[in-house]
């Protein structure tokens, strides 16, 4: 099986984040990003992806959006965490385990609004696809 194709700009962001222990890369285009490591559902290999995040105030809970820029299919990292919800997060220099779940229809609206305030393009991404874009809740283990 071939290695997954990752755009160069994603590789560069990931490398900068890791090499600087989050100092260069935690803030990307003015927004906070974390590194999500999932287990590949087919390969079983660790897969790390930089993603924009929000944090639930007063909790050790992080929120990410499985937008894939409004593509018709879910991103691979999302399919991986649905299958294996135990993940690892790097937020800046801090690395910790977390458990992921997709926000329920009741949980999603305020979390979507929070994330759209951070990255308004999420609303554009949802408008351009028929796929319901999932919001993922990551709770520190």
C-alpha atoms as a PDB file:
ATOM      1  CA  UNK A   1       0.000   0.000   0.000  1.00  0.00           C
ATOM      2  CA  UNK A   2       1.338   3.426  -0.937  1.00  0.00           C
ATOM      3  CA  UNK A   3       2.002   6.085   1.666  1.00  0.00           C
ATOM      4  CA  UNK A   4      -0.814   8.579   1.938  1.00  0.00           C
ATOM      5  CA  UNK A   5      -0.456  11.760  -0.046  1.00  0.00           C
ATOM      6  CA  UNK A   6      -0.042  14.785   2.203  1.00  0.00           C
ATOM      7  CA  UNK A   7       0.199  18.261   0.657  1.00  0.00           C
ATOM      8  CA  UNK A   8       3.618  19.914   0.991  1.00  0.00           C
ATOM      9  CA  UNK A   9       2.235  22.825   3.041  1.00  0.00           C
ATOM     10  CA  UNK A  10       0.837  20.334   5.585  1.00  0.00           C
ATOM     11  CA  UNK A  11       4.177  18.480   5.783  1.00  0.00           C
ATOM     12  CA  UNK A  12       6.011  21.784   6.271  1.00  0.00           C
ATOM     13  CA  UNK A  13       3.600  22.888   9.019  1.00  0.00           C
ATOM     14  CA  UNK A  14       3.905  19.529  10.780  1.00  0.00           C
ATOM     15  CA  UNK A  15       7.719  19.543  10.553  1.00  0.00           C
ATOM     16  CA  UNK A  16       7.981  23.118  11.894  1.00  0.00           C
ATOM     17  CA  UNK A  17       5.596  22.269  14.747  1.00  0.00           C
ATOM     18  CA  UNK A  18       7.550  19.164  15.757  1.00  0.00           C
ATOM     19  CA  UNK A  19      11.042  20.638  15.303  1.00  0.00           C
ATOM     20  CA  UNK A  20      10.216  23.700  17.406  1.00  0.00           C
ATOM     21  CA  UNK A  21       8.177  21.862  20.053  1.00  0.00           C
ATOM     22  CA  UNK A  22       5.146  23.877  18.970  1.00  0.00           C
ATOM     23  CA  UNK A  23       6.861  27.251  19.167  1.00  0.00           C
ATOM     24  CA  UNK A  24       6.630  27.611  15.370  1.00  0.00           C
ATOM     25  CA  UNK A  25       3.396  26.114  14.157  1.00  0.00           C
ATOM     26  CA  UNK A  26       1.062  26.231  17.140  1.00  0.00           C
ATOM     27  CA  UNK A  27      -0.297  29.465  15.704  1.00  0.00           C
ATOM     28  CA  UNK A  28      -0.917  29.059  11.966  1.00  0.00           C
ATOM     29  CA  UNK A  29      -2.447  31.853   9.876  1.00  0.00           C
ATOM     30  CA  UNK A  30      -3.434  33.551  13.122  1.00  0.00           C
ATOM     31  CA  UNK A  31      -5.301  30.581  14.606  1.00  0.00           C
ATOM     32  CA  UNK A  32      -4.324  27.878  17.114  1.00  0.00           C
ATOM     33  CA  UNK A  33      -3.464  24.437  15.813  1.00  0.00           C
ATOM     34  CA  UNK A  34      -2.824  21.130  17.497  1.00  0.00           C
ATOM     35  CA  UNK A  35      -1.343  17.909  16.210  1.00  0.00           C
ATOM     36  CA  UNK A  36      -3.759  14.988  16.214  1.00  0.00           C
ATOM     37  CA  UNK A  37      -2.274  11.495  16.047  1.00  0.00           C
ATOM     38  CA  UNK A  38      -4.679   8.728  15.111  1.00  0.00           C
ATOM     39  CA  UNK A  39      -4.141   5.067  14.317  1.00  0.00           C
ATOM     40  CA  UNK A  40      -4.623   4.274  10.637  1.00  0.00           C
ATOM     41  CA  UNK A  41      -7.716   2.119  10.286  1.00  0.00           C
ATOM     42  CA  UNK A  42      -6.114   0.011   7.535  1.00  0.00           C
ATOM     43  CA  UNK A  43      -2.381   0.422   8.114  1.00  0.00           C
ATOM     44  CA  UNK A  44      -2.357   0.422  11.914  1.00  0.00           C
ATOM     45  CA  UNK A  45       0.312   3.155  11.676  1.00  0.00           C
ATOM     46  CA  UNK A  46       0.340   6.390  13.653  1.00  0.00           C
ATOM     47  CA  UNK A  47      -0.921   9.277  11.492  1.00  0.00           C
ATOM     48  CA  UNK A  48      -0.367  12.876  12.598  1.00  0.00           C
ATOM     49  CA  UNK A  49      -2.321  15.825  11.231  1.00  0.00           C
ATOM     50  CA  UNK A  50      -2.171  19.527  12.155  1.00  0.00           C
ATOM     51  CA  UNK A  51      -5.675  20.908  12.757  1.00  0.00           C
ATOM     52  CA  UNK A  52      -7.259  24.149  13.884  1.00  0.00           C
ATOM     53  CA  UNK A  53      -8.755  23.778  17.349  1.00  0.00           C
ATOM     54  CA  UNK A  54     -10.905  25.453  19.930  1.00  0.00           C
ATOM     55  CA  UNK A  55     -10.939  24.783  23.655  1.00  0.00           C
ATOM     56  CA  UNK A  56     -13.998  24.515  25.845  1.00  0.00           C
ATOM     57  CA  UNK A  57     -13.588  27.121  28.559  1.00  0.00           C
ATOM     58  CA  UNK A  58     -12.793  25.687  31.986  1.00  0.00           C
ATOM     59  CA  UNK A  59     -12.372  22.128  30.677  1.00  0.00           C
ATOM     60  CA  UNK A  60      -9.610  19.916  29.314  1.00  0.00           C
ATOM     61  CA  UNK A  61     -11.697  19.537  26.171  1.00  0.00           C
ATOM     62  CA  UNK A  62     -10.579  20.441  22.665  1.00  0.00           C
ATOM     63  CA  UNK A  63     -12.723  20.762  19.549  1.00  0.00           C
ATOM     64  CA  UNK A  64     -11.794  20.170  15.897  1.00  0.00           C
ATOM     65  CA  UNK A  65     -13.784  20.163  12.656  1.00  0.00           C
ATOM     66  CA  UNK A  66     -13.642  17.395  10.031  1.00  0.00           C
ATOM     67  CA  UNK A  67     -14.145  19.852   7.175  1.00  0.00           C
ATOM     68  CA  UNK A  68     -11.599  18.744   4.567  1.00  0.00           C
ATOM     69  CA  UNK A  69     -12.248  22.110   2.957  1.00  0.00           C
ATOM     70  CA  UNK A  70     -15.837  21.144   2.135  1.00  0.00           C
ATOM     71  CA  UNK A  71     -14.895  18.016   0.172  1.00  0.00           C
ATOM     72  CA  UNK A  72     -17.541  15.376  -0.436  1.00  0.00           C
ATOM     73  CA  UNK A  73     -15.765  12.775   1.733  1.00  0.00           C
ATOM     74  CA  UNK A  74     -14.661  12.843   5.360  1.00  0.00           C
ATOM     75  CA  UNK A  75     -10.929  13.298   6.005  1.00  0.00           C
ATOM     76  CA  UNK A  76      -8.941  10.127   6.696  1.00  0.00           C
ATOM     77  CA  UNK A  77      -8.032  11.281  10.206  1.00  0.00           C
ATOM     78  CA  UNK A  78     -11.743  11.482  11.057  1.00  0.00           C
ATOM     79  CA  UNK A  79     -12.449   7.973   9.738  1.00  0.00           C
ATOM     80  CA  UNK A  80      -9.458   6.747  11.762  1.00  0.00           C
ATOM     81  CA  UNK A  81     -10.663   8.223  15.057  1.00  0.00           C
ATOM     82  CA  UNK A  82     -14.208   6.964  14.532  1.00  0.00           C
ATOM     83  CA  UNK A  83     -12.731   3.463  14.330  1.00  0.00           C
ATOM     84  CA  UNK A  84     -10.145   3.988  17.112  1.00  0.00           C
ATOM     85  CA  UNK A  85     -11.135   6.926  19.356  1.00  0.00           C
ATOM     86  CA  UNK A  86      -8.012   6.811  21.544  1.00  0.00           C
ATOM     87  CA  UNK A  87      -5.770   9.527  20.122  1.00  0.00           C
ATOM     88  CA  UNK A  88      -2.736  11.585  21.074  1.00  0.00           C
ATOM     89  CA  UNK A  89      -2.717  15.381  21.009  1.00  0.00           C
ATOM     90  CA  UNK A  90       0.144  17.840  20.935  1.00  0.00           C
ATOM     91  CA  UNK A  91      -0.894  21.351  21.894  1.00  0.00           C
ATOM     92  CA  UNK A  92       2.205  23.508  21.702  1.00  0.00           C
ATOM     93  CA  UNK A  93       4.856  21.572  23.627  1.00  0.00           C
ATOM     94  CA  UNK A  94       2.355  19.516  25.639  1.00  0.00           C
ATOM     95  CA  UNK A  95       1.616  15.943  24.523  1.00  0.00           C
ATOM     96  CA  UNK A  96      -1.211  13.891  26.046  1.00  0.00           C
ATOM     97  CA  UNK A  97      -3.701  11.139  25.332  1.00  0.00           C
ATOM     98  CA  UNK A  98      -7.326  11.932  24.622  1.00  0.00           C
ATOM     99  CA  UNK A  99     -10.551  10.232  23.668  1.00  0.00           C
ATOM    100  CA  UNK A 100     -12.452  11.468  20.634  1.00  0.00           C
ATOM    101  CA  UNK A 101     -16.133  11.430  19.819  1.00  0.00           C
ATOM    102  CA  UNK A 102     -18.295  13.099  17.218  1.00  0.00           C
ATOM    103  CA  UNK A 103     -20.487  15.827  18.670  1.00  0.00           C
ATOM    104  CA  UNK A 104     -24.124  14.812  18.861  1.00  0.00           C
ATOM    105  CA  UNK A 105     -26.773  16.955  17.145  1.00  0.00           C
ATOM    106  CA  UNK A 106     -27.425  18.526  20.568  1.00  0.00           C
ATOM    107  CA  UNK A 107     -23.743  19.193  21.314  1.00  0.00           C
ATOM    108  CA  UNK A 108     -22.789  20.471  17.860  1.00  0.00           C
ATOM    109  CA  UNK A 109     -24.410  23.946  17.417  1.00  0.00           C
ATOM    110  CA  UNK A 110     -22.498  25.888  20.093  1.00  0.00           C
ATOM    111  CA  UNK A 111     -19.263  24.071  19.196  1.00  0.00           C
ATOM    112  CA  UNK A 112     -19.735  24.791  15.490  1.00  0.00           C
ATOM    113  CA  UNK A 113     -20.331  28.460  16.297  1.00  0.00           C
ATOM    114  CA  UNK A 114     -17.181  28.571  18.444  1.00  0.00           C
ATOM    115  CA  UNK A 115     -15.123  27.013  15.657  1.00  0.00           C
ATOM    116  CA  UNK A 116     -16.633  29.258  12.965  1.00  0.00           C
ATOM    117  CA  UNK A 117     -15.584  32.262  15.053  1.00  0.00           C
ATOM    118  CA  UNK A 118     -12.028  30.924  15.021  1.00  0.00           C
ATOM    119  CA  UNK A 119     -12.082  29.966  11.312  1.00  0.00           C
ATOM    120  CA  UNK A 120     -15.068  31.526   9.475  1.00  0.00           C
ATOM    121  CA  UNK A 121     -14.331  29.474   6.337  1.00  0.00           C
ATOM    122  CA  UNK A 122     -15.977  26.482   8.048  1.00  0.00           C
ATOM    123  CA  UNK A 123     -19.340  28.013   7.158  1.00  0.00           C
ATOM    124  CA  UNK A 124     -18.223  28.267   3.508  1.00  0.00           C
ATOM    125  CA  UNK A 125     -17.022  24.661   3.560  1.00  0.00           C
ATOM    126  CA  UNK A 126     -20.388  23.449   4.874  1.00  0.00           C
ATOM    127  CA  UNK A 127     -22.252  25.517   2.274  1.00  0.00           C
ATOM    128  CA  UNK A 128     -20.332  23.904  -0.588  1.00  0.00           C
ATOM    129  CA  UNK A 129     -20.943  20.251   0.369  1.00  0.00           C
ATOM    130  CA  UNK A 130     -23.988  18.092   0.992  1.00  0.00           C
ATOM    131  CA  UNK A 131     -21.978  16.172   3.592  1.00  0.00           C
ATOM    132  CA  UNK A 132     -22.736  17.145   7.163  1.00  0.00           C
ATOM    133  CA  UNK A 133     -19.342  18.226   8.461  1.00  0.00           C
ATOM    134  CA  UNK A 134     -18.634  16.587  11.824  1.00  0.00           C
ATOM    135  CA  UNK A 135     -17.388  18.402  14.892  1.00  0.00           C
ATOM    136  CA  UNK A 136     -15.126  16.275  17.071  1.00  0.00           C
ATOM    137  CA  UNK A 137     -14.759  16.577  20.821  1.00  0.00           C
ATOM    138  CA  UNK A 138     -11.399  15.541  22.286  1.00  0.00           C
ATOM    139  CA  UNK A 139     -11.305  14.944  26.037  1.00  0.00           C
ATOM    140  CA  UNK A 140      -8.026  14.540  27.855  1.00  0.00           C
ATOM    141  CA  UNK A 141      -7.709  10.933  29.034  1.00  0.00           C
END
